[in-house]
């Protein structure tokens, strides 16, 4: 059985745990753990806004930050990078990956009204590159959810964009040579008991990630 580390809060990890459990894998929140040798991969989930000091800026649109948690998540991310284990970043986790590699994010995108959480996740269409793994799962155009106002504008060197919203906001990126995926959307809130009629099913994302971990599929 594969073991997945989720570097977030227990409540934030619950939907990921359910998704991986449905696919026969074990997942748990590891934010307070110190030994990660037993884990096969890392998931960085969503959460509060990222402290802009981490990418050299003052607060300019960031609404709620948790600097200690940000730094702890980056510490865990670095350990998995050093171990060369697969990594999946979701929403804030996607943005943290860009920051960890020396990139920046927008603290408050101009298009935030169509992307931010308003009593629930919003939904919108998206398009992806025809040769990326998302196209294998869903085709090149498919609806996803949205709950953010910060975003990666330009992937840092070593990554490339593979998916966008209709307004051009980046929705996914992958590393050029390593098994690292960043998704701005929330597949864990699009599957199982959270399956919704206005988006695709999020569960295939986790199934594909498990195949990447087992070496059955490639990210890049």
Protein backbone atom coordinates (compact mmCIF):
# COMPACT_ATOMS: atom_id res chain seq x y z
CA UNK A 1 0.00 0.00 0.00
CA UNK A 2 1.22 3.49 -0.86
CA UNK A 3 1.49 6.04 1.93
CA UNK A 4 0.81 9.70 1.16
CA UNK A 5 1.87 12.59 3.40
CA UNK A 6 -0.50 15.56 3.51
CA UNK A 7 1.16 18.71 4.84
CA UNK A 8 -1.88 20.61 6.07
CA UNK A 9 -4.37 20.71 8.89
CA UNK A 10 -6.35 17.56 9.84
CA UNK A 11 -9.58 19.20 8.71
CA UNK A 12 -8.01 20.27 5.42
CA UNK A 13 -6.62 16.79 4.88
CA UNK A 14 -9.93 14.94 5.34
CA UNK A 15 -11.11 15.07 1.72
CA UNK A 16 -7.69 13.97 0.46
CA UNK A 17 -7.65 11.08 2.93
CA UNK A 18 -11.08 9.97 1.67
CA UNK A 19 -10.00 10.16 -1.98
CA UNK A 20 -6.83 8.14 -1.50
CA UNK A 21 -8.63 5.65 0.74
CA UNK A 22 -11.19 5.07 -2.02
CA UNK A 23 -8.29 4.19 -4.31
CA UNK A 24 -6.61 1.80 -1.88
CA UNK A 25 -3.87 4.12 -0.58
CA UNK A 26 -3.19 5.47 2.89
CA UNK A 27 -2.95 9.21 3.54
CA UNK A 28 -2.60 11.30 6.68
CA UNK A 29 -1.79 14.79 7.89
CA UNK A 30 1.91 15.07 8.71
CA UNK A 31 2.34 18.71 9.68
CA UNK A 32 3.50 17.78 13.19
CA UNK A 33 5.64 14.80 12.17
CA UNK A 34 9.42 14.81 11.81
CA UNK A 35 10.21 11.50 10.07
CA UNK A 36 8.88 11.20 6.53
CA UNK A 37 10.88 8.19 5.38
CA UNK A 38 7.80 5.92 5.33
CA UNK A 39 5.88 8.15 2.91
CA UNK A 40 5.93 7.65 -0.83
CA UNK A 41 4.73 11.11 -1.89
CA UNK A 42 3.60 14.51 -0.63
CA UNK A 43 0.39 16.48 -1.08
CA UNK A 44 0.42 20.19 -0.27
CA UNK A 45 -3.24 21.18 0.20
CA UNK A 46 -5.01 24.53 0.13
CA UNK A 47 -5.18 26.94 3.02
CA UNK A 48 -4.73 30.58 3.97
CA UNK A 49 -2.86 33.12 1.86
CA UNK A 50 0.91 32.77 1.58
CA UNK A 51 3.06 35.22 3.52
CA UNK A 52 4.37 37.61 0.81
CA UNK A 53 7.63 37.97 2.73
CA UNK A 54 8.49 34.52 1.38
CA UNK A 55 8.74 35.96 -2.12
CA UNK A 56 10.19 39.33 -1.17
CA UNK A 57 7.06 41.51 -1.02
CA UNK A 58 5.06 43.48 1.52
CA UNK A 59 1.37 42.67 2.06
CA UNK A 60 -0.52 44.05 -0.93
CA UNK A 61 -3.80 42.19 -1.25
CA UNK A 62 -3.04 39.16 0.93
CA UNK A 63 -5.91 38.79 3.38
CA UNK A 64 -5.01 36.19 5.98
CA UNK A 65 -1.58 34.74 6.41
CA UNK A 66 -0.10 32.01 8.60
CA UNK A 67 3.67 32.56 8.41
CA UNK A 68 4.60 29.71 10.76
CA UNK A 69 2.51 27.19 8.82
CA UNK A 70 3.91 28.44 5.51
CA UNK A 71 7.45 27.89 6.71
CA UNK A 72 6.65 24.46 8.11
CA UNK A 73 5.06 23.41 4.82
CA UNK A 74 8.10 24.66 2.91
CA UNK A 75 10.39 22.68 5.23
CA UNK A 76 8.44 19.50 4.54
CA UNK A 77 8.36 20.25 0.82
CA UNK A 78 12.13 20.64 0.79
CA UNK A 79 12.59 17.23 2.44
CA UNK A 80 10.47 15.55 -0.23
CA UNK A 81 12.32 17.42 -2.95
CA UNK A 82 15.63 16.19 -1.56
CA UNK A 83 14.22 12.64 -1.49
CA UNK A 84 13.02 13.08 -5.11
CA UNK A 85 9.52 11.85 -4.27
CA UNK A 86 6.37 12.85 -6.21
CA UNK A 87 4.60 16.02 -5.08
CA UNK A 88 1.08 17.29 -5.75
CA UNK A 89 0.25 20.89 -4.81
CA UNK A 90 -3.39 22.02 -4.67
CA UNK A 91 -4.44 25.69 -4.60
CA UNK A 92 -2.13 27.19 -1.96
CA UNK A 93 0.09 24.13 -2.34
CA UNK A 94 0.44 24.85 -6.05
CA UNK A 95 1.46 28.42 -5.24
CA UNK A 96 3.90 27.27 -2.52
CA UNK A 97 5.70 25.08 -5.04
CA UNK A 98 6.30 28.12 -7.24
CA UNK A 99 7.58 30.10 -4.25
CA UNK A 100 9.79 27.23 -3.05
CA UNK A 101 11.59 27.19 -6.41
CA UNK A 102 12.22 30.94 -6.25
CA UNK A 103 9.14 32.25 -8.04
CA UNK A 104 6.43 34.72 -7.08
CA UNK A 105 2.64 34.79 -7.00
CA UNK A 106 0.03 37.51 -7.42
CA UNK A 107 -1.38 38.50 -4.05
CA UNK A 108 -4.76 39.44 -5.50
CA UNK A 109 -5.47 38.72 -9.15
CA UNK A 110 -7.64 41.28 -11.00
CA UNK A 111 -9.95 38.43 -12.04
CA UNK A 112 -10.53 37.33 -8.43
CA UNK A 113 -14.32 37.87 -8.51
CA UNK A 114 -14.75 34.92 -10.85
CA UNK A 115 -12.29 32.73 -8.94
CA UNK A 116 -12.69 33.41 -5.23
CA UNK A 117 -14.78 31.37 -2.80
CA UNK A 118 -18.24 32.93 -2.35
CA UNK A 119 -20.25 30.78 0.08
CA UNK A 120 -19.00 27.83 -1.99
CA UNK A 121 -16.46 27.01 -4.69
CA UNK A 122 -17.23 28.64 -8.00
CA UNK A 123 -17.07 26.69 -11.27
CA UNK A 124 -15.76 27.66 -14.69
CA UNK A 125 -14.45 26.15 -17.89
CA UNK A 126 -10.76 25.52 -18.56
CA UNK A 127 -8.48 24.40 -21.37
CA UNK A 128 -5.25 22.42 -21.26
CA UNK A 129 -2.45 21.42 -23.58
CA UNK A 130 -3.43 18.47 -25.78
CA UNK A 131 -0.34 16.45 -24.87
CA UNK A 132 -0.51 16.83 -21.06
CA UNK A 133 -1.80 14.30 -18.55
CA UNK A 134 -4.95 16.36 -17.90
CA UNK A 135 -6.00 15.91 -21.52
CA UNK A 136 -5.64 12.15 -21.08
CA UNK A 137 -8.08 12.30 -18.18
CA UNK A 138 -10.60 14.90 -19.32
CA UNK A 139 -9.91 16.10 -22.85
CA UNK A 140 -8.59 19.57 -23.64
CA UNK A 141 -11.62 21.54 -22.38
CA UNK A 142 -13.39 20.77 -19.12
CA UNK A 143 -15.06 22.53 -16.15
CA UNK A 144 -13.34 22.81 -12.77
CA UNK A 145 -13.98 24.50 -9.43
CA UNK A 146 -12.32 27.65 -8.11
CA UNK A 147 -11.73 29.16 -4.66
CA UNK A 148 -8.79 31.57 -4.67
CA UNK A 149 -7.68 35.16 -5.16
CA UNK A 150 -3.92 34.59 -5.16
CA UNK A 151 -2.37 32.84 -8.15
CA UNK A 152 0.79 31.84 -9.96
CA UNK A 153 1.10 34.23 -12.89
CA UNK A 154 4.25 32.82 -14.49
CA UNK A 155 5.67 29.40 -13.57
CA UNK A 156 9.18 29.61 -12.18
CA UNK A 157 12.06 28.27 -14.29
CA UNK A 158 11.89 24.49 -14.49
CA UNK A 159 8.09 24.41 -14.71
CA UNK A 160 5.67 25.01 -17.53
CA UNK A 161 1.97 25.85 -17.65
CA UNK A 162 -0.46 23.22 -18.93
CA UNK A 163 -3.94 24.58 -18.08
CA UNK A 164 -5.71 27.96 -18.03
CA UNK A 165 -9.10 29.47 -17.20
CA UNK A 166 -10.95 31.35 -19.98
CA UNK A 167 -9.65 34.66 -18.56
CA UNK A 168 -6.06 33.44 -18.79
CA UNK A 169 -5.52 32.65 -15.10
CA UNK A 170 -3.08 29.75 -14.73
CA UNK A 171 -4.79 26.59 -13.46
CA UNK A 172 -2.02 23.96 -13.58
CA UNK A 173 1.70 23.53 -14.07
CA UNK A 174 4.17 20.66 -14.03
CA UNK A 175 7.91 20.36 -13.56
CA UNK A 176 9.94 19.80 -16.71
CA UNK A 177 11.81 16.75 -15.44
CA UNK A 178 10.49 15.80 -11.99
CA UNK A 179 7.18 14.27 -10.81
CA UNK A 180 5.74 17.53 -9.47
CA UNK A 181 2.22 18.76 -10.25
CA UNK A 182 0.59 22.04 -9.25
CA UNK A 183 -3.18 22.50 -9.55
CA UNK A 184 -4.91 25.78 -8.71
CA UNK A 185 -8.26 23.98 -8.39
CA UNK A 186 -9.53 21.50 -5.80
CA UNK A 187 -10.07 17.96 -7.12
CA UNK A 188 -10.67 16.75 -3.55
CA UNK A 189 -13.82 18.88 -3.51
CA UNK A 190 -15.01 17.45 -6.83
CA UNK A 191 -15.23 13.74 -6.00
CA UNK A 192 -16.96 11.13 -3.84
CA UNK A 193 -19.41 12.85 -1.45
CA UNK A 194 -18.37 16.22 -2.90
CA UNK A 195 -19.01 15.23 -6.53
CA UNK A 196 -20.73 18.08 -8.35
CA UNK A 197 -22.69 18.25 -11.59
CA UNK A 198 -21.02 21.39 -12.93
CA UNK A 199 -17.42 20.08 -12.93
CA UNK A 200 -15.55 16.95 -13.91
CA UNK A 201 -14.92 14.24 -11.32
CA UNK A 202 -11.78 15.01 -9.32
CA UNK A 203 -11.00 11.40 -8.39
CA UNK A 204 -9.04 10.58 -11.60
CA UNK A 205 -6.44 13.16 -10.51
CA UNK A 206 -5.61 11.11 -7.43
CA UNK A 207 -5.69 7.85 -9.36
CA UNK A 208 -3.21 9.31 -11.86
CA UNK A 209 -0.98 10.63 -9.05
CA UNK A 210 -0.85 7.13 -7.54
CA UNK A 211 0.18 5.77 -10.94
CA UNK A 212 2.96 8.38 -11.06
CA UNK A 213 4.16 7.25 -7.64
CA UNK A 214 4.20 3.62 -8.79
CA UNK A 215 6.11 4.59 -11.94
CA UNK A 216 3.23 3.59 -14.23
CA UNK A 217 2.69 7.10 -15.61
CA UNK A 218 4.78 10.22 -16.17
CA UNK A 219 3.97 13.83 -15.29
CA UNK A 220 6.15 15.54 -17.91
